[in-house]
N, C-alpha and C. Protein backbone atom coordinates (compact mmCIF):
# COMPACT_ATOMS: atom_id res chain seq x y z
N UNK A 1 0.85 -1.19 0.00
CA UNK A 1 0.00 0.00 0.00
C UNK A 1 0.89 1.24 0.00
N UNK A 2 0.72 2.09 -0.97
CA UNK A 2 1.52 3.31 -1.04
C UNK A 2 0.99 4.34 -0.07
N UNK A 3 1.76 5.39 0.11
CA UNK A 3 1.41 6.39 1.12
C UNK A 3 0.13 7.15 0.78
N UNK A 4 -0.23 7.25 -0.49
CA UNK A 4 -1.44 8.00 -0.83
C UNK A 4 -2.54 7.09 -1.39
N UNK A 5 -2.48 5.80 -1.06
CA UNK A 5 -3.52 4.87 -1.52
C UNK A 5 -4.80 5.09 -0.73
N UNK A 6 -5.91 4.98 -1.43
CA UNK A 6 -7.23 5.14 -0.80
C UNK A 6 -7.99 3.83 -1.00
N UNK A 7 -8.54 3.31 0.09
CA UNK A 7 -9.38 2.12 0.03
C UNK A 7 -10.82 2.55 0.18
N UNK A 8 -11.65 2.16 -0.77
CA UNK A 8 -13.07 2.53 -0.74
C UNK A 8 -13.90 1.32 -0.33
N UNK A 9 -14.76 1.53 0.63
CA UNK A 9 -15.68 0.50 1.11
C UNK A 9 -17.09 0.86 0.64
N UNK A 10 -17.70 -0.05 -0.10
CA UNK A 10 -19.04 0.15 -0.64
C UNK A 10 -20.08 -0.45 0.31
N UNK A 11 -21.25 0.14 0.43
CA UNK A 11 -22.31 -0.43 1.27
C UNK A 11 -22.76 -1.80 0.75
N UNK A 12 -23.29 -2.61 1.64
CA UNK A 12 -23.77 -3.93 1.25
C UNK A 12 -25.05 -3.82 0.43
N UNK A 13 -25.37 -4.89 -0.26
CA UNK A 13 -26.57 -4.91 -1.11
C UNK A 13 -27.86 -4.99 -0.29
N UNK A 14 -27.74 -5.21 1.02
CA UNK A 14 -28.94 -5.24 1.87
C UNK A 14 -29.72 -3.93 1.78
N UNK A 15 -29.00 -2.82 1.63
CA UNK A 15 -29.66 -1.52 1.54
C UNK A 15 -30.54 -1.42 0.29
N UNK A 16 -30.09 -2.00 -0.81
CA UNK A 16 -30.89 -2.01 -2.03
C UNK A 16 -32.17 -2.81 -1.85
N UNK A 17 -32.05 -3.95 -1.18
CA UNK A 17 -33.22 -4.79 -0.92
C UNK A 17 -34.20 -4.08 0.01
N UNK A 18 -33.69 -3.45 1.06
CA UNK A 18 -34.56 -2.72 1.99
C UNK A 18 -35.21 -1.51 1.32
N UNK A 19 -34.48 -0.84 0.43
CA UNK A 19 -35.06 0.27 -0.34
C UNK A 19 -36.21 -0.23 -1.21
N UNK A 20 -35.99 -1.37 -1.88
CA UNK A 20 -37.03 -1.93 -2.74
C UNK A 20 -38.27 -2.33 -1.93
N UNK A 21 -38.06 -2.91 -0.75
CA UNK A 21 -39.21 -3.26 0.10
C UNK A 21 -39.98 -2.01 0.54
N UNK A 22 -39.26 -0.95 0.88
CA UNK A 22 -39.92 0.29 1.28
C UNK A 22 -40.73 0.89 0.16
N UNK A 23 -40.15 0.90 -1.05
CA UNK A 23 -40.87 1.44 -2.21
C UNK A 23 -42.08 0.56 -2.53
N UNK A 24 -41.88 -0.76 -2.47
CA UNK A 24 -42.99 -1.69 -2.74
C UNK A 24 -44.14 -1.50 -1.76
N UNK A 25 -43.81 -1.36 -0.49
CA UNK A 25 -44.86 -1.14 0.52
C UNK A 25 -45.56 0.20 0.29
N UNK A 26 -44.81 1.23 -0.10
CA UNK A 26 -45.41 2.54 -0.38
C UNK A 26 -46.35 2.46 -1.59
N UNK A 27 -45.95 1.71 -2.61
CA UNK A 27 -46.82 1.54 -3.79
C UNK A 27 -48.10 0.80 -3.40
N UNK A 28 -47.97 -0.22 -2.58
CA UNK A 28 -49.16 -0.95 -2.12
C UNK A 28 -50.08 -0.02 -1.33
N UNK A 29 -49.50 0.83 -0.48
CA UNK A 29 -50.31 1.79 0.28
C UNK A 29 -50.99 2.79 -0.64
N UNK A 30 -50.28 3.25 -1.67
CA UNK A 30 -50.87 4.19 -2.63
C UNK A 30 -52.06 3.54 -3.34
N UNK A 31 -51.90 2.29 -3.71
CA UNK A 31 -53.00 1.56 -4.34
C UNK A 31 -54.20 1.45 -3.39
N UNK A 32 -53.92 1.14 -2.11
CA UNK A 32 -55.00 1.05 -1.12
C UNK A 32 -55.67 2.40 -0.91
N UNK A 33 -54.89 3.47 -0.92
CA UNK A 33 -55.47 4.82 -0.79
C UNK A 33 -56.31 5.19 -2.00
N UNK A 34 -55.90 4.75 -3.17
CA UNK A 34 -56.64 5.04 -4.39
C UNK A 34 -58.02 4.36 -4.34
N UNK A 35 -58.04 3.16 -3.76
CA UNK A 35 -59.31 2.43 -3.65
C UNK A 35 -60.21 3.03 -2.58
N UNK A 36 -59.61 3.40 -1.43
CA UNK A 36 -60.40 3.99 -0.35
C UNK A 36 -59.44 4.74 0.58
N UNK A 37 -59.73 6.02 0.80
CA UNK A 37 -58.86 6.83 1.64
C UNK A 37 -58.96 6.41 3.09
N UNK A 38 -57.79 6.36 3.74
CA UNK A 38 -57.71 6.01 5.16
C UNK A 38 -56.48 6.72 5.73
N UNK A 39 -56.66 7.43 6.83
CA UNK A 39 -55.55 8.19 7.42
C UNK A 39 -54.40 7.28 7.86
N UNK A 40 -54.72 6.14 8.42
CA UNK A 40 -53.68 5.22 8.90
C UNK A 40 -52.82 4.74 7.72
N UNK A 41 -53.47 4.43 6.61
CA UNK A 41 -52.73 3.98 5.42
C UNK A 41 -51.85 5.10 4.89
N UNK A 42 -52.35 6.33 4.92
CA UNK A 42 -51.56 7.48 4.48
C UNK A 42 -50.32 7.65 5.35
N UNK A 43 -50.50 7.55 6.66
CA UNK A 43 -49.37 7.68 7.58
C UNK A 43 -48.37 6.55 7.36
N UNK A 44 -48.87 5.34 7.16
CA UNK A 44 -47.99 4.20 6.91
C UNK A 44 -47.23 4.39 5.60
N UNK A 45 -47.89 4.92 4.56
CA UNK A 45 -47.23 5.16 3.29
C UNK A 45 -46.10 6.18 3.45
N UNK A 46 -46.34 7.24 4.21
CA UNK A 46 -45.30 8.24 4.46
C UNK A 46 -44.12 7.60 5.19
N UNK A 47 -44.40 6.73 6.16
CA UNK A 47 -43.34 6.01 6.86
C UNK A 47 -42.54 5.11 5.94
N UNK A 48 -43.23 4.43 5.03
CA UNK A 48 -42.55 3.56 4.06
C UNK A 48 -41.65 4.36 3.13
N UNK A 49 -42.14 5.52 2.68
CA UNK A 49 -41.32 6.37 1.81
C UNK A 49 -40.10 6.91 2.55
N UNK A 50 -40.29 7.28 3.81
CA UNK A 50 -39.16 7.75 4.61
C UNK A 50 -38.12 6.65 4.79
N UNK A 51 -38.58 5.43 5.09
CA UNK A 51 -37.66 4.30 5.26
C UNK A 51 -36.92 4.02 3.95
N UNK A 52 -37.64 4.01 2.84
CA UNK A 52 -37.00 3.76 1.54
C UNK A 52 -35.97 4.83 1.23
N UNK A 53 -36.30 6.08 1.51
CA UNK A 53 -35.38 7.18 1.26
C UNK A 53 -34.13 7.06 2.15
N UNK A 54 -34.33 6.68 3.41
CA UNK A 54 -33.20 6.53 4.34
C UNK A 54 -32.28 5.40 3.90
N UNK A 55 -32.85 4.27 3.52
CA UNK A 55 -32.03 3.14 3.07
C UNK A 55 -31.32 3.47 1.76
N UNK A 56 -31.98 4.21 0.87
CA UNK A 56 -31.34 4.61 -0.39
C UNK A 56 -30.16 5.54 -0.12
N UNK A 57 -30.30 6.43 0.85
CA UNK A 57 -29.20 7.33 1.20
C UNK A 57 -28.01 6.54 1.74
N UNK A 58 -28.27 5.55 2.58
CA UNK A 58 -27.18 4.70 3.10
C UNK A 58 -26.54 3.90 1.98
N UNK A 59 -27.36 3.43 1.04
CA UNK A 59 -26.88 2.62 -0.07
C UNK A 59 -25.95 3.43 -0.98
N UNK A 60 -26.17 4.73 -1.07
CA UNK A 60 -25.35 5.58 -1.95
C UNK A 60 -24.09 6.10 -1.26
N UNK A 61 -23.95 5.89 0.05
CA UNK A 61 -22.79 6.40 0.79
C UNK A 61 -21.55 5.55 0.50
N UNK A 62 -20.38 6.15 0.73
CA UNK A 62 -19.10 5.48 0.56
C UNK A 62 -18.20 5.83 1.72
N UNK A 63 -17.36 4.88 2.13
CA UNK A 63 -16.34 5.14 3.15
C UNK A 63 -14.99 5.00 2.46
N UNK A 64 -14.21 6.08 2.47
CA UNK A 64 -12.89 6.08 1.84
C UNK A 64 -11.83 6.25 2.91
N UNK A 65 -10.94 5.27 3.03
CA UNK A 65 -9.89 5.28 4.05
C UNK A 65 -8.55 5.57 3.38
N UNK A 66 -7.82 6.53 3.97
CA UNK A 66 -6.47 6.82 3.50
C UNK A 66 -5.50 6.73 4.67
N UNK A 67 -4.30 7.25 4.50
CA UNK A 67 -3.27 7.15 5.53
C UNK A 67 -3.61 7.91 6.80
N UNK A 68 -4.30 9.02 6.70
CA UNK A 68 -4.55 9.90 7.83
C UNK A 68 -5.89 9.68 8.52
N UNK A 69 -6.86 9.12 7.80
CA UNK A 69 -8.20 8.97 8.36
C UNK A 69 -9.16 8.44 7.33
N UNK A 70 -10.43 8.85 7.45
CA UNK A 70 -11.41 8.39 6.47
C UNK A 70 -12.42 9.49 6.15
N UNK A 71 -13.03 9.35 4.98
CA UNK A 71 -14.13 10.20 4.53
C UNK A 71 -15.40 9.37 4.53
N UNK A 72 -16.48 9.93 5.02
CA UNK A 72 -17.80 9.35 4.83
C UNK A 72 -18.48 10.25 3.81
N UNK A 73 -18.68 9.73 2.62
CA UNK A 73 -19.28 10.51 1.54
C UNK A 73 -20.70 10.00 1.30
N UNK A 74 -21.67 10.89 1.53
CA UNK A 74 -23.07 10.54 1.29
C UNK A 74 -23.67 11.57 0.34
N UNK A 75 -24.96 11.46 0.08
CA UNK A 75 -25.60 12.38 -0.87
C UNK A 75 -25.50 13.83 -0.44
N UNK A 76 -25.66 14.11 0.85
CA UNK A 76 -25.73 15.48 1.32
C UNK A 76 -24.49 15.97 2.02
N UNK A 77 -23.67 15.06 2.48
CA UNK A 77 -22.60 15.48 3.37
C UNK A 77 -21.33 14.67 3.11
N UNK A 78 -20.20 15.35 3.22
CA UNK A 78 -18.90 14.70 3.18
C UNK A 78 -18.23 15.01 4.52
N UNK A 79 -17.99 13.98 5.30
CA UNK A 79 -17.41 14.18 6.63
C UNK A 79 -16.03 13.53 6.68
N UNK A 80 -15.05 14.30 7.14
CA UNK A 80 -13.68 13.81 7.28
C UNK A 80 -13.38 13.61 8.76
N UNK A 81 -12.86 12.44 9.11
CA UNK A 81 -12.44 12.15 10.47
C UNK A 81 -11.04 11.54 10.39
N UNK A 82 -10.12 12.14 11.12
CA UNK A 82 -8.76 11.63 11.16
C UNK A 82 -8.66 10.54 12.21
N UNK A 83 -7.72 9.62 12.01
CA UNK A 83 -7.56 8.52 12.96
C UNK A 83 -7.25 9.03 14.36
N UNK A 84 -6.52 10.13 14.46
CA UNK A 84 -6.16 10.66 15.78
C UNK A 84 -7.38 11.17 16.55
N UNK A 85 -8.48 11.43 15.87
CA UNK A 85 -9.71 11.89 16.52
C UNK A 85 -10.53 10.75 17.11
N UNK A 86 -10.34 9.53 16.63
CA UNK A 86 -11.21 8.42 16.98
C UNK A 86 -11.01 7.98 18.42
N UNK A 87 -12.12 7.89 19.13
CA UNK A 87 -12.13 7.38 20.50
C UNK A 87 -12.41 5.88 20.50
N UNK A 88 -13.43 5.45 19.73
CA UNK A 88 -13.78 4.04 19.68
C UNK A 88 -14.57 3.76 18.40
N UNK A 89 -14.61 2.50 18.01
CA UNK A 89 -15.40 2.05 16.87
C UNK A 89 -16.03 0.71 17.24
N UNK A 90 -17.35 0.63 17.10
CA UNK A 90 -18.06 -0.60 17.45
C UNK A 90 -19.14 -0.88 16.41
N UNK A 91 -19.54 -2.15 16.33
CA UNK A 91 -20.66 -2.52 15.46
C UNK A 91 -21.96 -2.34 16.22
N UNK A 92 -22.97 -1.85 15.53
CA UNK A 92 -24.28 -1.66 16.16
C UNK A 92 -25.36 -1.71 15.08
N UNK A 93 -26.56 -2.01 15.50
CA UNK A 93 -27.69 -2.01 14.58
C UNK A 93 -28.52 -3.27 14.72
N UNK A 94 -29.75 -3.19 14.25
CA UNK A 94 -30.66 -4.34 14.33
C UNK A 94 -30.93 -4.93 12.95
N UNK A 95 -31.39 -4.11 12.03
CA UNK A 95 -31.70 -4.62 10.70
C UNK A 95 -30.41 -4.84 9.92
N UNK A 96 -29.58 -3.83 9.87
CA UNK A 96 -28.28 -3.90 9.21
C UNK A 96 -27.25 -3.37 10.20
N UNK A 97 -26.24 -4.17 10.50
CA UNK A 97 -25.24 -3.76 11.49
C UNK A 97 -24.17 -2.90 10.81
N UNK A 98 -24.13 -1.63 11.22
CA UNK A 98 -23.12 -0.70 10.74
C UNK A 98 -22.06 -0.48 11.80
N UNK A 99 -21.15 0.43 11.53
CA UNK A 99 -20.09 0.77 12.48
C UNK A 99 -20.37 2.15 13.04
N UNK A 100 -20.36 2.26 14.36
CA UNK A 100 -20.52 3.54 15.03
C UNK A 100 -19.14 3.98 15.51
N UNK A 101 -18.72 5.15 15.05
CA UNK A 101 -17.42 5.71 15.42
C UNK A 101 -17.65 6.90 16.35
N UNK A 102 -17.06 6.86 17.53
CA UNK A 102 -17.08 8.03 18.42
C UNK A 102 -15.74 8.71 18.29
N UNK A 103 -15.78 10.05 18.23
CA UNK A 103 -14.55 10.80 17.97
C UNK A 103 -14.60 12.16 18.66
N UNK A 104 -13.42 12.72 18.84
CA UNK A 104 -13.29 14.06 19.40
C UNK A 104 -13.22 15.05 18.23
N UNK A 105 -14.08 16.08 18.23
CA UNK A 105 -14.04 17.06 17.14
C UNK A 105 -12.76 17.89 17.20
N UNK A 106 -12.42 18.47 16.06
CA UNK A 106 -11.25 19.35 15.99
C UNK A 106 -11.66 20.77 16.35
N UNK A 107 -10.80 21.45 17.07
CA UNK A 107 -11.00 22.87 17.35
C UNK A 107 -10.47 23.67 16.17
N UNK A 108 -10.79 24.96 16.05
CA UNK A 108 -10.31 25.77 14.92
C UNK A 108 -8.78 25.78 14.78
N UNK A 109 -8.06 25.59 15.89
CA UNK A 109 -6.59 25.60 15.81
C UNK A 109 -6.01 24.23 15.45
N UNK A 110 -6.88 23.23 15.17
CA UNK A 110 -6.41 21.92 14.75
C UNK A 110 -6.20 20.92 15.87
N UNK A 111 -6.32 21.36 17.12
CA UNK A 111 -6.17 20.45 18.25
C UNK A 111 -7.48 19.73 18.53
N UNK A 112 -7.39 18.60 19.21
CA UNK A 112 -8.59 17.84 19.57
C UNK A 112 -9.31 18.50 20.74
N UNK A 113 -10.62 18.54 20.67
CA UNK A 113 -11.43 19.01 21.78
C UNK A 113 -11.79 17.79 22.62
N UNK A 114 -11.01 17.54 23.66
CA UNK A 114 -11.19 16.34 24.48
C UNK A 114 -12.39 16.44 25.41
N UNK A 115 -13.02 17.61 25.49
CA UNK A 115 -14.20 17.78 26.34
C UNK A 115 -15.48 17.32 25.64
N UNK A 116 -15.43 17.16 24.32
CA UNK A 116 -16.61 16.76 23.56
C UNK A 116 -16.36 15.42 22.88
N UNK A 117 -17.43 14.67 22.72
CA UNK A 117 -17.37 13.39 22.03
C UNK A 117 -18.55 13.33 21.07
N UNK A 118 -18.28 13.22 19.78
CA UNK A 118 -19.32 13.13 18.76
C UNK A 118 -19.34 11.70 18.23
N UNK A 119 -20.39 11.37 17.49
CA UNK A 119 -20.46 10.04 16.89
C UNK A 119 -20.97 10.14 15.46
N UNK A 120 -20.59 9.16 14.67
CA UNK A 120 -21.06 9.04 13.30
C UNK A 120 -21.29 7.56 13.03
N UNK A 121 -22.38 7.26 12.33
CA UNK A 121 -22.68 5.87 11.99
C UNK A 121 -22.34 5.63 10.53
N UNK A 122 -21.45 4.69 10.29
CA UNK A 122 -21.06 4.31 8.94
C UNK A 122 -22.03 3.23 8.45
N UNK A 123 -22.33 3.21 7.16
CA UNK A 123 -23.21 2.15 6.66
C UNK A 123 -22.51 0.80 6.75
N UNK A 124 -23.31 -0.27 6.76
CA UNK A 124 -22.73 -1.62 6.69
C UNK A 124 -22.05 -1.76 5.33
N UNK A 125 -20.81 -2.20 5.34
CA UNK A 125 -20.03 -2.28 4.11
C UNK A 125 -19.52 -3.70 3.90
N UNK A 126 -19.15 -4.00 2.66
CA UNK A 126 -18.44 -5.24 2.40
C UNK A 126 -17.08 -5.14 3.07
N UNK A 127 -16.55 -6.23 3.53
CA UNK A 127 -15.28 -6.27 4.28
C UNK A 127 -15.38 -5.40 5.54
N UNK A 128 -16.53 -5.47 6.19
CA UNK A 128 -16.76 -4.62 7.36
C UNK A 128 -15.80 -4.95 8.50
N UNK A 129 -15.51 -6.23 8.70
CA UNK A 129 -14.61 -6.61 9.79
C UNK A 129 -13.23 -6.02 9.57
N UNK A 130 -12.77 -5.98 8.32
CA UNK A 130 -11.48 -5.37 8.00
C UNK A 130 -11.48 -3.89 8.33
N UNK A 131 -12.55 -3.19 7.95
CA UNK A 131 -12.66 -1.77 8.25
C UNK A 131 -12.70 -1.53 9.76
N UNK A 132 -13.48 -2.32 10.48
CA UNK A 132 -13.58 -2.17 11.93
C UNK A 132 -12.23 -2.39 12.60
N UNK A 133 -11.51 -3.43 12.20
CA UNK A 133 -10.19 -3.70 12.77
C UNK A 133 -9.21 -2.56 12.46
N UNK A 134 -9.29 -2.03 11.24
CA UNK A 134 -8.41 -0.92 10.85
C UNK A 134 -8.70 0.33 11.68
N UNK A 135 -9.97 0.64 11.89
CA UNK A 135 -10.32 1.81 12.69
C UNK A 135 -9.87 1.65 14.14
N UNK A 136 -10.06 0.46 14.68
CA UNK A 136 -9.65 0.22 16.07
C UNK A 136 -8.13 0.25 16.23
N UNK A 137 -7.43 -0.29 15.27
CA UNK A 137 -5.96 -0.36 15.37
C UNK A 137 -5.32 1.01 15.22
N UNK A 138 -5.92 1.90 14.44
CA UNK A 138 -5.29 3.18 14.14
C UNK A 138 -5.86 4.35 14.92
N UNK A 139 -6.80 4.08 15.83
CA UNK A 139 -7.36 5.16 16.64
C UNK A 139 -6.31 5.70 17.60
N UNK A 140 -6.55 6.89 18.10
CA UNK A 140 -5.61 7.47 19.07
C UNK A 140 -5.86 6.83 20.42
N UNK A 141 -4.87 6.85 21.25
CA UNK A 141 -4.99 6.26 22.59
C UNK A 141 -4.83 7.36 23.62
N UNK A 142 -5.73 8.36 23.53
CA UNK A 142 -5.70 9.48 24.45
C UNK A 142 -6.29 9.02 25.78
N UNK A 143 -5.58 9.31 26.86
CA UNK A 143 -6.07 8.89 28.18
C UNK A 143 -6.71 10.05 28.90
């Protein structure tokens, strides 16, 4: 691995399947609403669309790891976290197990703000165990 090599982790195909189920359920609800209006069905359809949209956003995200840290690139946001900021990385989730990274934010002068702890949830990716081990091995060991 060269000094400027970037490893990209793609989300698992589970997100595509969950997106399809959400869209399918929303279409079924729309059909039911077309036949006869019902507030509960409308609320359920909105929930299905929200779930489908959320899973599609996770499906489109990418995790790019380089020498200094990683980028989480999603539709709306690109977040950079350096390895020295990482406090811990663990697997979490019920439907799809992703990686939750807790980290110390950077202050404007580039130093770590050890008084605050933020978290970011990475999507479930292929080779997830490799990514998790890499994040744990390269995190800072601030006491």
